[in-house]
Amino acid sequence: MKNVDGLTGRPQRPRFLTWGLLAPVVAVSMLCSNAQAYSGLTINATFDSSITSLPDAAAIEGAINSAISVLEHDISSPITVSILFQNMNSGLGESTSGVYTLSYFDYYNALKAHMTTPEQLTALASLGQAPTSSSSPNPVNGSTSMEISAPQGRMLGFNTPGVVTGPGGTYDTIIGLNTSITSPPQGLAGNYGLQAVANHELDEALGIGGLGSFLGTSLPGVGSLDLYRYSAPGVRSFTTDQSATSYFSLDGGKTVLSYFNQVPGADYGDWASDPIPGGFPVQVQDAFGTPGTNPALGANELASFSAIGYSLSAQAVPEPSSFAMLGTAILFFSGHCWSRSKQRARVAA
């Protein structure tokens, strides 16, 4: 155990990469960062030598910076996030992020203070009766805990510094990308759009996708998106049963915005995509990437950010009720490193 600024670092069961303990934030020397700055979200990107030494490093960094620019444009919450990007030789994309455990009572009250739009107020109402103390259970699995990413915690007003150590310093997240099967540097045919893959992992660093659900893990709490996981109107879904129906809904299960993944081994907070449900397009947060595609950040990802407390820029907010149009009717906390997020390449049958 190591205490830093009153927070307790707890090592947890590893999933993909190595663990770290809660550590003080240190200065990071940026090798390369996105040039365009916005008044809200700022993502400081560091590219290590596994990327900068590649022959097509400029094109690879350009695609990653384009993904960063989209998020900086669409999210107006004023936080700064540090990300280290690395090249890897297997899989498609994965990340190791700092995760914090806090009470549902503290989470709910911090979230409530950030929920101001009609869509956000609808989402907040779907959580039911407000918790009254730190012993109040969340409405999903009865635990009194929530699990959130470090950037999401800071967005909500908590002291949740990055805790992931890597070359050059400490980061909120370390992202690995397999550029041998992405475009660029390869052609798009038969490969995966790098901007979309980078967007997928960046989203999860901020708290949606894989870090939006802690279903099937050893952690006691639930993720922010688990609060909006349903199998039918008024019926919550929190099971690893592959045959179960689980979908994303902000109005208590009345409206299906997207279906959650139920395939074991892939992130339960990502969208179902093996196969892609009928009537749904390829999406950035699909658990399984689709070769030959490079989807843009879409309304369901934006709805996810909004539902966990992020403010969206005026340019990013869909027209009124367009979230519903997409669907079909039917303070003590601790920090630790969590290797959680992985987008998988689709394997042909």
Protein backbone atom coordinates (compact mmCIF):
# COMPACT_ATOMS: atom_id res chain seq x y z
CA MET A 1 0.00 0.00 0.00
CA LYS A 2 1.16 3.50 -0.74
CA ASN A 3 -0.71 6.61 0.31
CA VAL A 4 -0.51 9.71 -1.87
CA ASP A 5 -2.50 12.88 -1.14
CA GLY A 6 -4.84 10.91 1.10
CA LEU A 7 -5.67 8.33 -1.59
CA THR A 8 -4.89 4.66 -1.20
CA GLY A 9 -3.42 2.74 -4.10
CA ARG A 10 -4.72 -0.81 -4.40
CA PRO A 11 -3.23 -3.26 -6.91
CA GLN A 12 -5.94 -5.28 -8.61
CA ARG A 13 -6.02 -8.38 -10.81
CA PRO A 14 -4.26 -7.69 -14.14
CA ARG A 15 -6.04 -8.35 -17.37
CA PHE A 16 -3.80 -7.44 -20.27
CA LEU A 17 -0.76 -5.45 -19.18
CA THR A 18 1.16 -4.74 -15.97
CA TRP A 19 -0.07 -3.12 -12.79
CA GLY A 20 1.05 0.01 -11.03
CA LEU A 21 0.42 1.59 -7.64
CA LEU A 22 -0.96 5.04 -7.07
CA ALA A 23 1.89 7.46 -7.57
CA PRO A 24 2.46 11.23 -7.58
CA VAL A 25 1.92 12.98 -10.88
CA VAL A 26 5.22 13.94 -12.50
CA ALA A 27 6.07 16.27 -15.34
CA VAL A 28 6.00 14.67 -18.78
CA SER A 29 8.25 15.76 -21.59
CA MET A 30 6.13 15.76 -24.73
CA LEU A 31 7.69 14.20 -27.78
CA CYS A 32 4.80 15.29 -29.95
CA SER A 33 1.40 16.77 -29.27
CA ASN A 34 -1.62 17.82 -31.25
CA ALA A 35 -1.28 21.38 -32.47
CA GLN A 36 -4.87 22.60 -32.25
CA ALA A 37 -6.05 23.67 -28.78
CA TYR A 38 -9.59 24.18 -27.49
CA SER A 39 -10.95 25.87 -24.39
CA GLY A 40 -12.41 22.65 -23.00
CA LEU A 41 -10.86 19.20 -23.15
CA THR A 42 -7.10 19.10 -23.79
CA ILE A 43 -5.34 15.81 -24.56
CA ASN A 44 -1.56 15.88 -24.33
CA ALA A 45 -0.23 13.09 -26.53
CA THR A 46 3.20 11.55 -26.19
CA PHE A 47 4.51 9.19 -28.89
CA ASP A 48 7.25 6.85 -27.76
CA SER A 49 10.04 5.49 -29.93
CA SER A 50 8.05 2.44 -31.02
CA ILE A 51 5.98 4.91 -33.09
CA THR A 52 8.44 7.70 -33.86
CA SER A 53 10.95 5.21 -35.29
CA LEU A 54 8.49 3.80 -37.83
CA PRO A 55 8.93 4.78 -41.51
CA ASP A 56 5.34 6.08 -41.62
CA ALA A 57 5.46 7.79 -38.23
CA ALA A 58 4.18 11.12 -39.57
CA ALA A 59 1.05 9.55 -41.07
CA ILE A 60 0.42 7.46 -37.96
CA GLU A 61 0.80 10.43 -35.63
CA GLY A 62 -1.42 12.48 -37.94
CA ALA A 63 -4.27 9.95 -37.69
CA ILE A 64 -3.96 9.82 -33.91
CA ASN A 65 -3.91 13.61 -33.67
CA SER A 66 -7.03 13.74 -35.84
CA ALA A 67 -8.81 11.46 -33.34
CA ILE A 68 -7.66 13.73 -30.51
CA SER A 69 -8.89 16.84 -32.35
CA VAL A 70 -12.37 15.34 -32.73
CA LEU A 71 -12.67 14.77 -28.99
CA GLU A 72 -11.23 18.18 -28.13
CA HIS A 73 -13.75 19.75 -30.47
CA ASP A 74 -16.76 17.80 -29.21
CA ILE A 75 -16.14 17.84 -25.43
CA SER A 76 -16.11 21.18 -23.64
CA SER A 77 -15.39 19.94 -20.10
CA PRO A 78 -12.19 21.80 -19.06
CA ILE A 79 -9.79 19.00 -18.12
CA THR A 80 -6.32 18.03 -19.34
CA VAL A 81 -5.57 14.37 -20.07
CA SER A 82 -2.16 12.78 -20.64
CA ILE A 83 -1.81 9.80 -23.00
CA LEU A 84 1.24 7.80 -24.05
CA PHE A 85 0.90 6.09 -27.43
CA GLN A 86 2.89 2.98 -28.28
CA ASN A 87 3.04 0.61 -31.23
CA MET A 88 2.29 -3.06 -30.59
CA ASN A 89 2.57 -6.21 -32.71
CA SER A 90 -0.63 -8.11 -31.90
CA GLY A 91 -4.31 -7.44 -31.42
CA LEU A 92 -5.78 -4.17 -32.68
CA GLY A 93 -5.87 -1.64 -29.84
CA GLU A 94 -5.61 -1.76 -26.06
CA SER A 95 -5.01 0.54 -23.12
CA THR A 96 -3.99 0.64 -19.48
CA SER A 97 -5.73 3.34 -17.44
CA GLY A 98 -5.95 4.71 -13.93
CA VAL A 99 -9.21 3.70 -12.21
CA TYR A 100 -10.64 5.02 -8.95
CA THR A 101 -13.17 3.48 -6.58
CA LEU A 102 -15.55 5.85 -4.78
CA SER A 103 -18.93 5.62 -3.11
CA TYR A 104 -22.08 5.71 -5.19
CA PHE A 105 -23.25 8.54 -2.91
CA ASP A 106 -20.26 10.70 -3.82
CA TYR A 107 -20.47 9.75 -7.49
CA TYR A 108 -24.20 10.51 -7.75
CA ASN A 109 -23.91 13.94 -6.14
CA ALA A 110 -20.94 14.92 -8.30
CA LEU A 111 -22.72 13.65 -11.41
CA LYS A 112 -25.93 15.50 -10.50
CA ALA A 113 -24.04 18.79 -10.39
CA HIS A 114 -22.94 18.26 -14.02
CA MET A 115 -26.26 17.08 -15.46
CA THR A 116 -27.91 20.15 -16.97
CA THR A 117 -29.25 19.33 -20.44
CA PRO A 118 -32.63 17.65 -21.02
CA GLU A 119 -30.90 14.41 -22.08
CA GLN A 120 -28.70 14.45 -18.99
CA LEU A 121 -31.63 15.13 -16.67
CA THR A 122 -33.51 12.22 -18.24
CA ALA A 123 -30.50 9.97 -17.66
CA LEU A 124 -30.19 11.14 -14.04
CA ALA A 125 -33.88 10.48 -13.40
CA SER A 126 -33.43 6.91 -14.66
CA LEU A 127 -31.11 6.20 -11.72
CA GLY A 128 -34.07 6.35 -9.35
CA GLN A 129 -34.06 7.60 -5.78
CA ALA A 130 -31.02 9.65 -4.84
CA PRO A 131 -28.60 7.98 -2.40
CA THR A 132 -28.70 9.41 1.12
CA SER A 133 -25.34 8.29 2.54
CA SER A 134 -22.08 6.53 1.71
CA SER A 135 -23.76 3.24 2.60
CA SER A 136 -26.45 3.68 -0.07
CA PRO A 137 -26.25 0.98 -2.79
CA ASN A 138 -26.00 1.67 -6.48
CA PRO A 139 -29.11 0.57 -8.42
CA VAL A 140 -27.27 -2.07 -10.48
CA ASN A 141 -25.67 -4.70 -8.24
CA GLY A 142 -26.31 -3.38 -4.73
CA SER A 143 -22.68 -2.42 -4.12
CA THR A 144 -22.02 0.95 -2.49
CA SER A 145 -19.13 1.57 -4.94
CA MET A 146 -18.49 3.00 -8.37
CA GLU A 147 -15.40 2.62 -10.59
CA ILE A 148 -14.35 5.58 -12.73
CA SER A 149 -11.40 6.60 -14.87
CA ALA A 150 -8.97 9.24 -13.65
CA PRO A 151 -10.03 11.85 -16.27
CA GLN A 152 -13.70 11.28 -15.53
CA GLY A 153 -13.00 11.76 -11.84
CA ARG A 154 -11.30 15.11 -12.47
CA MET A 155 -14.14 16.16 -14.75
CA LEU A 156 -16.55 15.46 -11.86
CA GLY A 157 -14.42 17.47 -9.45
CA PHE A 158 -12.46 14.74 -7.63
CA ASN A 159 -8.70 14.67 -7.05
CA THR A 160 -7.90 11.73 -9.34
CA PRO A 161 -4.46 12.16 -10.93
CA GLY A 162 -3.07 9.84 -13.56
CA VAL A 163 -1.35 6.81 -12.03
CA VAL A 164 0.02 4.83 -14.98
CA THR A 165 3.82 4.94 -15.20
CA GLY A 166 5.60 4.57 -18.51
CA PRO A 167 8.54 5.93 -20.50
CA GLY A 168 8.88 9.63 -19.78
CA GLY A 169 6.59 9.91 -16.77
CA THR A 170 3.13 9.19 -15.40
CA TYR A 171 0.02 9.21 -17.55
CA ASP A 172 -3.74 8.84 -17.36
CA THR A 173 -3.56 6.08 -19.96
CA ILE A 174 -1.07 4.19 -22.09
CA ILE A 175 -2.56 3.19 -25.45
CA GLY A 176 -1.15 0.49 -27.70
CA LEU A 177 -2.03 0.36 -31.42
CA ASN A 178 -1.15 -2.37 -33.88
CA THR A 179 -0.28 -0.22 -36.89
CA SER A 180 0.68 -3.27 -38.98
CA ILE A 181 -3.07 -3.77 -39.65
CA THR A 182 -4.31 -0.16 -39.65
CA SER A 183 -4.75 2.54 -42.27
CA PRO A 184 -2.49 4.45 -42.24
CA PRO A 185 0.15 3.23 -42.80
CA GLN A 186 -1.50 0.38 -44.75
CA GLY A 187 -4.31 0.79 -47.27
CA LEU A 188 -7.83 0.67 -45.84
CA ALA A 189 -8.93 -2.45 -47.76
CA GLY A 190 -8.66 -5.41 -45.37
CA ASN A 191 -7.29 -3.21 -42.58
CA TYR A 192 -8.74 -0.99 -39.84
CA GLY A 193 -9.03 2.80 -39.84
CA LEU A 194 -6.38 4.03 -37.41
CA GLN A 195 -8.26 7.19 -36.48
CA ALA A 196 -11.28 5.10 -35.42
CA VAL A 197 -9.13 2.65 -33.43
CA ALA A 198 -7.35 5.53 -31.69
CA ASN A 199 -10.73 7.18 -31.00
CA HIS A 200 -11.99 3.92 -29.48
CA GLU A 201 -9.12 3.75 -27.00
CA LEU A 202 -9.19 7.48 -26.23
CA ASP A 203 -12.91 7.24 -25.45
CA GLU A 204 -12.17 4.53 -22.94
CA ALA A 205 -9.44 6.59 -21.28
CA LEU A 206 -12.11 9.25 -20.71
CA GLY A 207 -14.50 6.73 -19.15
CA ILE A 208 -16.84 5.22 -21.76
CA GLY A 209 -16.56 1.93 -23.65
CA GLY A 210 -14.44 -0.61 -21.77
CA LEU A 211 -13.95 1.63 -18.73
CA GLY A 212 -17.69 2.31 -18.64
CA SER A 213 -18.40 -1.22 -17.41
CA PHE A 214 -16.77 -3.39 -14.75
CA LEU A 215 -19.02 -6.35 -15.36
CA GLY A 216 -17.09 -9.60 -15.01
CA THR A 217 -14.19 -8.08 -13.02
CA SER A 218 -13.03 -8.53 -9.43
CA LEU A 219 -13.72 -4.89 -8.56
CA PRO A 220 -16.62 -4.26 -6.17
CA GLY A 221 -18.30 -1.37 -7.93
CA VAL A 222 -19.95 -0.86 -11.29
CA GLY A 223 -18.94 1.42 -14.14
CA SER A 224 -20.68 4.60 -15.17
CA LEU A 225 -22.31 3.01 -18.22
CA ASP A 226 -23.49 0.02 -16.19
CA LEU A 227 -26.05 2.45 -14.76
CA TYR A 228 -27.68 2.57 -18.21
CA ARG A 229 -27.56 -1.14 -19.08
CA TYR A 230 -30.99 -2.74 -19.63
CA SER A 231 -32.58 -5.94 -20.93
CA ALA A 232 -36.13 -4.53 -21.07
CA PRO A 233 -37.95 -1.37 -19.96
CA GLY A 234 -37.37 -1.06 -16.23
CA VAL A 235 -35.23 -4.22 -16.12
CA ARG A 236 -31.50 -3.75 -15.58
CA SER A 237 -28.97 -6.12 -17.14
CA PHE A 238 -25.76 -6.97 -15.32
CA THR A 239 -24.72 -10.44 -16.39
CA THR A 240 -21.92 -12.07 -18.37
CA ASP A 241 -24.36 -14.57 -19.91
CA GLN A 242 -23.58 -14.46 -23.62
CA SER A 243 -27.21 -15.11 -24.50
CA ALA A 244 -28.46 -12.13 -22.48
CA THR A 245 -29.84 -8.98 -24.06
CA SER A 246 -28.11 -5.81 -22.88
CA TYR A 247 -28.62 -2.38 -24.35
CA PHE A 248 -27.76 1.26 -23.68
CA SER A 249 -30.72 3.38 -22.63
CA LEU A 250 -31.03 6.77 -20.94
CA ASP A 251 -34.74 6.60 -20.12
CA GLY A 252 -35.01 3.50 -17.97
CA GLY A 253 -34.88 1.03 -20.82
CA LYS A 254 -37.69 2.48 -22.91
CA THR A 255 -35.40 3.47 -25.79
CA VAL A 256 -32.59 1.35 -27.22
CA LEU A 257 -29.69 3.55 -28.29
CA SER A 258 -27.19 0.76 -28.94
CA TYR A 259 -26.61 -2.83 -27.81
CA PHE A 260 -23.81 -3.69 -25.40
CA ASN A 261 -21.32 -6.45 -26.09
CA GLN A 262 -21.99 -9.78 -24.34
CA VAL A 263 -19.15 -11.78 -25.93
CA PRO A 264 -16.70 -12.96 -23.23
CA GLY A 265 -13.15 -11.67 -23.56
CA ALA A 266 -14.22 -8.38 -25.15
CA ASP A 267 -15.18 -5.27 -23.18
CA TYR A 268 -18.74 -5.33 -21.84
CA GLY A 269 -18.94 -1.54 -22.07
CA ASP A 270 -18.35 -1.59 -25.85
CA TRP A 271 -21.07 -1.97 -28.47
CA ALA A 272 -22.20 -5.39 -29.66
CA SER A 273 -20.50 -6.11 -32.98
CA ASP A 274 -19.97 -9.85 -33.36
CA PRO A 275 -22.20 -9.71 -35.28
CA ILE A 276 -23.35 -6.10 -35.61
CA PRO A 277 -27.08 -5.97 -34.68
CA GLY A 278 -29.46 -5.40 -37.56
CA GLY A 279 -30.17 -1.76 -38.31
CA PHE A 280 -26.99 -0.48 -36.68
CA PRO A 281 -23.93 0.91 -38.51
CA VAL A 282 -20.27 0.24 -37.76
CA GLN A 283 -19.46 2.40 -34.71
CA VAL A 284 -16.28 3.68 -33.09
CA GLN A 285 -16.99 1.89 -29.82
CA ASP A 286 -17.69 -1.52 -31.37
CA ALA A 287 -16.04 -4.28 -29.35
CA PHE A 288 -14.85 -5.88 -32.60
CA GLY A 289 -13.42 -3.72 -35.36
CA THR A 290 -14.65 -4.14 -38.92
CA PRO A 291 -11.89 -4.24 -41.56
CA GLY A 292 -12.17 -1.77 -44.41
CA THR A 293 -13.94 0.83 -42.26
CA ASN A 294 -12.96 4.01 -40.43
CA PRO A 295 -16.10 5.14 -38.54
CA ALA A 296 -16.32 8.62 -37.08
CA LEU A 297 -17.25 9.41 -33.48
CA GLY A 298 -21.03 9.10 -33.48
CA ALA A 299 -24.15 10.09 -31.57
CA ASN A 300 -24.08 7.01 -29.32
CA GLU A 301 -20.54 7.76 -28.16
CA LEU A 302 -21.53 11.39 -27.55
CA ALA A 303 -24.63 10.24 -25.64
CA SER A 304 -22.36 8.06 -23.49
CA PHE A 305 -20.09 10.98 -22.66
CA SER A 306 -23.09 13.14 -21.83
CA ALA A 307 -24.60 10.42 -19.59
CA ILE A 308 -21.49 10.20 -17.41
CA GLY A 309 -21.28 13.96 -16.91
CA TYR A 310 -19.21 15.42 -19.73
CA SER A 311 -20.33 18.67 -21.33
CA LEU A 312 -20.56 18.63 -25.11
CA SER A 313 -19.74 21.58 -27.32
CA ALA A 314 -22.59 23.25 -29.17
CA GLN A 315 -21.25 21.87 -32.46
CA ALA A 316 -21.23 18.31 -31.13
CA VAL A 317 -24.69 18.22 -29.53
CA PRO A 318 -27.23 16.44 -31.78
CA GLU A 319 -30.48 18.16 -32.60
CA PRO A 320 -33.12 17.94 -29.83
CA SER A 321 -34.46 14.37 -29.41
CA SER A 322 -31.97 12.93 -31.91
CA PHE A 323 -30.65 10.58 -29.22
CA ALA A 324 -34.14 9.08 -29.10
CA MET A 325 -34.41 9.05 -32.91
CA LEU A 326 -31.39 6.75 -33.04
CA GLY A 327 -33.05 4.22 -30.78
CA THR A 328 -35.95 1.84 -31.12
CA ALA A 329 -38.74 1.93 -28.57
CA ILE A 330 -39.05 -1.08 -26.41
CA LEU A 331 -15.88 10.90 -0.07
CA PHE A 332 -13.33 8.39 0.25
CA PHE A 333 -11.91 6.79 -2.79
CA SER A 334 -8.91 4.83 -3.90
CA GLY A 335 -6.92 4.61 -7.10
CA HIS A 336 -5.22 1.81 -8.98
CA CYS A 337 -4.03 0.92 -12.45
CA TRP A 338 -6.41 -1.16 -14.51
CA SER A 339 -5.58 -2.80 -17.82
CA ARG A 340 -9.12 -3.01 -19.07
CA SER A 341 -9.73 -1.85 -22.59
CA LYS A 342 -9.08 -3.83 -25.73
CA GLN A 343 -10.65 -3.54 -29.17
CA ARG A 344 -10.41 -6.78 -31.07
CA ALA A 345 -9.86 -7.38 -34.75
CA ARG A 346 -12.68 -9.31 -36.40
CA VAL A 347 -11.74 -12.86 -37.36
CA ALA A 348 -13.33 -14.18 -40.54
CA ALA A 349 -15.42 -17.32 -40.07
